[in-house]
Amino acid sequence: MHRFADAEAAYKEAAGIRRELGAHNPAAYRPDTAATLNDLGNLYADMHRYSDAEAALKEAVDIRRELAAQDPVYRPDLAATLTNRGALYADMHRFADAEAAYKEAADIRRELGAQNPAAYRPDLAATLNNLGNLYADMHRYSDAEAALKEAANFERELGAQNPAAYRPDLAATLNNLGVLYADMHRDGDAEAALKEAAGIRRELAAQDPASYRPNLAQTLNNLASLYREMHRDTDAEAVQAEALAAVR
């Protein structure tokens, strides 16, 4: 509802209660304290209160790191908070800190995914996508390509088993990969990635226009921009017209 002040008050009260309970029974209540701090950190990030967000997420990470050291069942939660921390640092342009957080999260999720691919590979793919976009922002194009291609490979495998759940994620990663290749002036690779993303999003938009037509328009706009850079003006005009139609 974007009622941020009310959300903050509720989260802070919950955290206060759980902190008191955790002082008497840490094993029972510290996991809940970490969960509330994670949510509070994400709220502060949405409010652009970055210092407060960093403090909340740091405390959540510290608690979850301790819990995971005692019981590996908490490692997925630690990876989730590290991913949130990475996103915060990326927004703050603290790229080295963002990379460290994303890489630690990816390492945890890669280990978990090796044991239970269905449960943890989707999260690993999401973190790799974030890491790839971070590397692109840092102009580390080779690292960005490697991360995004690994994410796309996982999403392709997952999409073969459950298309409804994972083809949207694959299309998003292919779109990011296409933009990356365009920045690298690898026009053929960029066109292939963006055309595949557009094809998937076209199918999704046919089934659920309200949810997927904006995504389709985004990819078509990227493809039109690529064609203009390639001086394929007729193709650019055709794709741009389709993009406009998608958002009308």
Protein backbone atom coordinates (compact mmCIF):
# COMPACT_ATOMS: atom_id res chain seq x y z
CA MET A 1 0.00 0.00 0.00
CA HIS A 2 3.10 2.26 0.10
CA ARG A 3 2.22 3.24 3.69
CA PHE A 4 5.87 3.14 4.63
CA ALA A 5 5.66 4.84 8.02
CA ASP A 6 2.98 2.39 9.19
CA ALA A 7 5.00 -0.52 7.82
CA GLU A 8 8.08 0.68 9.67
CA ALA A 9 6.18 1.00 12.95
CA ALA A 10 4.78 -2.54 12.64
CA TYR A 11 8.14 -4.09 11.75
CA LYS A 12 9.93 -2.24 14.55
CA GLU A 13 7.36 -3.34 17.13
CA ALA A 14 7.64 -6.94 15.91
CA ALA A 15 11.44 -6.76 16.06
CA GLY A 16 11.29 -5.36 19.60
CA ILE A 17 9.08 -8.19 20.81
CA ARG A 18 11.19 -10.84 19.10
CA ARG A 19 14.40 -9.35 20.45
CA GLU A 20 13.04 -9.62 24.01
CA LEU A 21 11.87 -13.19 23.45
CA GLY A 22 15.23 -14.05 21.89
CA ALA A 23 17.05 -12.81 24.98
CA HIS A 24 15.30 -15.54 27.01
CA ASN A 25 15.19 -18.27 24.37
CA PRO A 26 17.61 -17.57 21.49
CA ALA A 27 17.12 -20.90 19.74
CA ALA A 28 13.39 -20.35 19.41
CA TYR A 29 13.18 -16.64 18.56
CA ARG A 30 16.40 -15.41 16.94
CA PRO A 31 15.38 -16.83 13.54
CA ASP A 32 12.16 -14.77 13.72
CA THR A 33 14.13 -11.68 14.76
CA ALA A 34 16.36 -12.09 11.71
CA ALA A 35 13.32 -12.49 9.45
CA THR A 36 11.78 -9.23 10.71
CA LEU A 37 15.08 -7.37 10.39
CA ASN A 38 15.40 -8.65 6.83
CA ASP A 39 11.95 -7.28 6.01
CA LEU A 40 12.71 -4.00 7.76
CA GLY A 41 15.93 -3.64 5.79
CA ASN A 42 14.07 -4.17 2.52
CA LEU A 43 11.51 -1.56 3.57
CA TYR A 44 14.23 0.99 4.32
CA ALA A 45 15.81 0.23 0.95
CA ASP A 46 12.48 0.96 -0.74
CA MET A 47 12.37 4.22 1.21
CA HIS A 48 15.95 5.06 0.11
CA ARG A 49 17.00 5.16 3.76
CA TYR A 50 20.15 3.33 2.90
CA SER A 51 22.01 3.68 6.19
CA ASP A 52 19.05 2.24 8.11
CA ALA A 53 18.65 -0.51 5.52
CA GLU A 54 22.31 -1.46 5.80
CA ALA A 55 22.13 -1.63 9.61
CA ALA A 56 19.01 -3.83 9.60
CA LEU A 57 20.33 -6.19 6.93
CA LYS A 58 23.75 -6.42 8.60
CA GLU A 59 22.14 -7.49 11.85
CA ALA A 60 19.97 -10.00 10.00
CA VAL A 61 23.02 -11.41 8.19
CA ASP A 62 24.99 -11.66 11.45
CA ILE A 63 22.19 -13.58 13.16
CA ARG A 64 21.61 -15.87 10.21
CA ARG A 65 25.33 -16.54 9.84
CA GLU A 66 25.49 -17.66 13.48
CA LEU A 67 22.38 -19.81 13.04
CA ALA A 68 23.71 -21.38 9.84
CA ALA A 69 27.00 -22.23 11.56
CA GLN A 70 25.03 -24.20 14.14
CA ASP A 71 22.43 -25.70 11.80
CA PRO A 72 22.71 -25.76 7.97
CA VAL A 73 18.91 -25.55 7.72
CA TYR A 74 19.38 -21.76 8.03
CA ARG A 75 21.73 -21.44 5.03
CA PRO A 76 18.88 -20.64 2.57
CA ASP A 77 17.78 -17.78 4.82
CA LEU A 78 21.35 -16.49 5.00
CA ALA A 79 21.60 -16.57 1.20
CA ALA A 80 18.31 -14.67 0.90
CA THR A 81 19.48 -11.85 3.17
CA LEU A 82 22.88 -11.70 1.45
CA THR A 83 21.08 -11.28 -1.88
CA ASN A 84 19.03 -8.42 -0.41
CA ARG A 85 22.21 -6.88 0.93
CA GLY A 86 23.80 -7.16 -2.50
CA ALA A 87 20.84 -5.38 -4.09
CA LEU A 88 21.11 -2.60 -1.50
CA TYR A 89 24.82 -2.09 -2.12
CA ALA A 90 24.21 -2.09 -5.88
CA ASP A 91 21.66 0.70 -5.41
CA MET A 92 24.24 2.56 -3.33
CA HIS A 93 26.89 2.04 -6.08
CA ARG A 94 29.05 0.18 -3.60
CA PHE A 95 29.87 -2.34 -6.26
CA ALA A 96 32.63 -4.27 -4.48
CA ASP A 97 30.39 -4.83 -1.45
CA ALA A 98 27.50 -5.82 -3.71
CA GLU A 99 29.70 -8.31 -5.55
CA ALA A 100 30.90 -9.89 -2.29
CA ALA A 101 27.34 -10.31 -1.01
CA TYR A 102 26.01 -11.73 -4.28
CA LYS A 103 28.94 -14.12 -4.67
CA GLU A 104 28.55 -15.48 -1.15
CA ALA A 105 24.82 -15.96 -1.75
CA ALA A 106 25.51 -17.66 -5.09
CA ASP A 107 28.07 -20.01 -3.52
CA ILE A 108 25.57 -21.06 -0.84
CA ARG A 109 22.79 -21.55 -3.37
CA ARG A 110 25.06 -23.46 -5.75
CA GLU A 111 25.89 -25.94 -2.97
CA LEU A 112 22.23 -26.24 -1.99
CA GLY A 113 21.21 -26.62 -5.62
CA ALA A 114 23.64 -29.47 -6.13
CA GLN A 115 21.75 -31.38 -3.42
CA ASN A 116 18.22 -30.29 -4.32
CA PRO A 117 18.03 -28.65 -7.77
CA ALA A 118 14.25 -28.18 -7.82
CA ALA A 119 14.24 -26.29 -4.54
CA TYR A 120 17.32 -24.08 -4.87
CA ARG A 121 18.32 -23.62 -8.51
CA PRO A 122 15.61 -20.99 -9.12
CA ASP A 123 17.11 -18.87 -6.34
CA LEU A 124 20.61 -19.48 -7.67
CA ALA A 125 19.53 -18.33 -11.13
CA ALA A 126 18.01 -15.16 -9.64
CA THR A 127 21.22 -14.34 -7.77
CA LEU A 128 23.34 -14.99 -10.87
CA ASN A 129 21.07 -12.67 -12.82
CA ASN A 130 21.62 -9.95 -10.21
CA LEU A 131 25.36 -10.58 -10.28
CA GLY A 132 25.42 -10.42 -14.08
CA ASN A 133 23.59 -7.09 -14.10
CA LEU A 134 26.02 -5.78 -11.46
CA TYR A 135 29.02 -6.79 -13.57
CA ALA A 136 27.42 -5.10 -16.59
CA ASP A 137 27.11 -1.87 -14.57
CA MET A 138 30.79 -2.26 -13.66
CA HIS A 139 31.69 -2.81 -17.36
CA ARG A 140 33.07 -6.23 -16.49
CA TYR A 141 31.46 -7.67 -19.57
CA SER A 142 33.09 -11.09 -19.59
CA ASP A 143 32.04 -11.74 -15.99
CA ALA A 144 28.56 -10.42 -16.74
CA GLU A 145 28.19 -12.75 -19.70
CA ALA A 146 29.32 -15.77 -17.68
CA ALA A 147 26.86 -15.06 -14.85
CA LEU A 148 23.91 -14.37 -17.15
CA LYS A 149 24.60 -17.41 -19.33
CA GLU A 150 24.75 -19.65 -16.26
CA ALA A 151 21.45 -18.17 -15.04
CA ALA A 152 19.87 -18.70 -18.48
CA ASN A 153 21.04 -22.31 -18.59
CA PHE A 154 19.45 -23.07 -15.23
CA GLU A 155 16.22 -21.29 -16.21
CA ARG A 156 16.12 -23.17 -19.50
CA GLU A 157 16.36 -26.49 -17.65
CA LEU A 158 13.74 -25.43 -15.10
CA GLY A 159 11.47 -24.10 -17.84
CA ALA A 160 11.58 -27.42 -19.66
CA GLN A 161 10.07 -29.03 -16.55
CA ASN A 162 7.71 -26.22 -15.53
CA PRO A 163 7.23 -23.67 -18.33
CA ALA A 164 4.58 -21.59 -16.55
CA ALA A 165 6.83 -20.96 -13.57
CA TYR A 166 10.21 -20.36 -15.21
CA ARG A 167 9.84 -19.16 -18.80
CA PRO A 168 9.18 -15.58 -17.60
CA ASP A 169 12.50 -15.69 -15.72
CA LEU A 170 14.30 -17.07 -18.76
CA ALA A 171 12.90 -14.27 -20.92
CA ALA A 172 14.08 -11.66 -18.39
CA THR A 173 17.61 -13.08 -18.34
CA LEU A 174 17.75 -13.32 -22.13
CA ASN A 175 16.64 -9.70 -22.31
CA ASN A 176 19.47 -8.72 -19.95
CA LEU A 177 21.92 -10.81 -21.95
CA GLY A 178 20.80 -9.15 -25.17
CA VAL A 179 21.33 -5.68 -23.70
CA LEU A 180 24.77 -6.77 -22.51
CA TYR A 181 25.75 -8.04 -25.95
CA ALA A 182 24.53 -4.79 -27.50
CA ASP A 183 26.80 -2.86 -25.12
CA MET A 184 29.65 -5.16 -26.18
CA HIS A 185 28.84 -4.48 -29.87
CA ARG A 186 28.22 -8.18 -30.42
CA ASP A 187 25.21 -7.40 -32.57
CA GLY A 188 24.49 -10.91 -33.80
CA ASP A 189 24.46 -12.35 -30.28
CA ALA A 190 22.38 -9.42 -29.05
CA GLU A 191 19.79 -9.95 -31.79
CA ALA A 192 19.57 -13.69 -31.07
CA ALA A 193 19.07 -13.19 -27.33
CA LEU A 194 16.52 -10.39 -27.72
CA LYS A 195 14.57 -12.26 -30.40
CA GLU A 196 14.36 -15.34 -28.18
CA ALA A 197 13.26 -13.18 -25.22
CA ALA A 198 10.65 -11.47 -27.41
CA GLY A 199 9.36 -14.81 -28.65
CA ILE A 200 8.84 -16.10 -25.13
CA ARG A 201 7.24 -12.86 -23.97
CA ARG A 202 4.99 -12.81 -27.04
CA GLU A 203 3.66 -16.24 -26.07
CA LEU A 204 3.20 -15.19 -22.45
CA ALA A 205 1.44 -11.98 -23.47
CA ALA A 206 -0.98 -13.93 -25.62
CA GLN A 207 -2.04 -15.90 -22.54
CA ASP A 208 -1.97 -13.03 -20.02
CA PRO A 209 -1.82 -9.63 -21.72
CA ALA A 210 -2.05 -7.50 -18.57
CA SER A 211 0.92 -9.19 -16.92
CA TYR A 212 3.28 -9.67 -19.85
CA ARG A 213 2.64 -7.06 -22.54
CA PRO A 214 4.77 -4.43 -20.72
CA ASN A 215 7.65 -6.93 -20.60
CA LEU A 216 7.20 -7.69 -24.28
CA ALA A 217 7.28 -3.98 -25.10
CA GLN A 218 10.51 -3.60 -23.08
CA THR A 219 12.29 -6.31 -25.07
CA LEU A 220 10.94 -5.01 -28.39
CA ASN A 221 12.20 -1.53 -27.53
CA ASN A 222 15.63 -2.99 -26.83
CA LEU A 223 15.53 -4.87 -30.12
CA ALA A 224 14.47 -1.74 -32.02
CA SER A 225 17.36 0.20 -30.46
CA LEU A 226 19.75 -2.55 -31.55
CA TYR A 227 18.42 -2.45 -35.13
CA ARG A 228 18.86 1.33 -35.23
CA GLU A 229 22.48 0.92 -34.11
CA MET A 230 22.88 -1.65 -36.91
CA HIS A 231 21.30 0.80 -39.41
CA ARG A 232 18.48 -1.68 -40.07
CA ASP A 233 15.90 1.08 -40.03
CA THR A 234 13.05 -0.90 -41.61
CA ASP A 235 13.40 -3.65 -38.98
CA ALA A 236 13.63 -1.03 -36.23
CA GLU A 237 10.41 0.65 -37.37
CA ALA A 238 8.52 -2.66 -37.52
CA VAL A 239 9.64 -3.75 -34.06
CA GLN A 240 8.98 -0.32 -32.57
CA ALA A 241 5.44 -0.38 -33.98
CA GLU A 242 4.85 -3.77 -32.31
CA ALA A 243 6.20 -2.37 -29.03
CA LEU A 244 3.79 0.55 -29.18
CA ALA A 245 0.89 -1.77 -29.94
CA ALA A 246 1.80 -3.91 -26.93
CA VAL A 247 1.33 -1.03 -24.48
CA ARG A 248 -1.82 0.48 -25.96
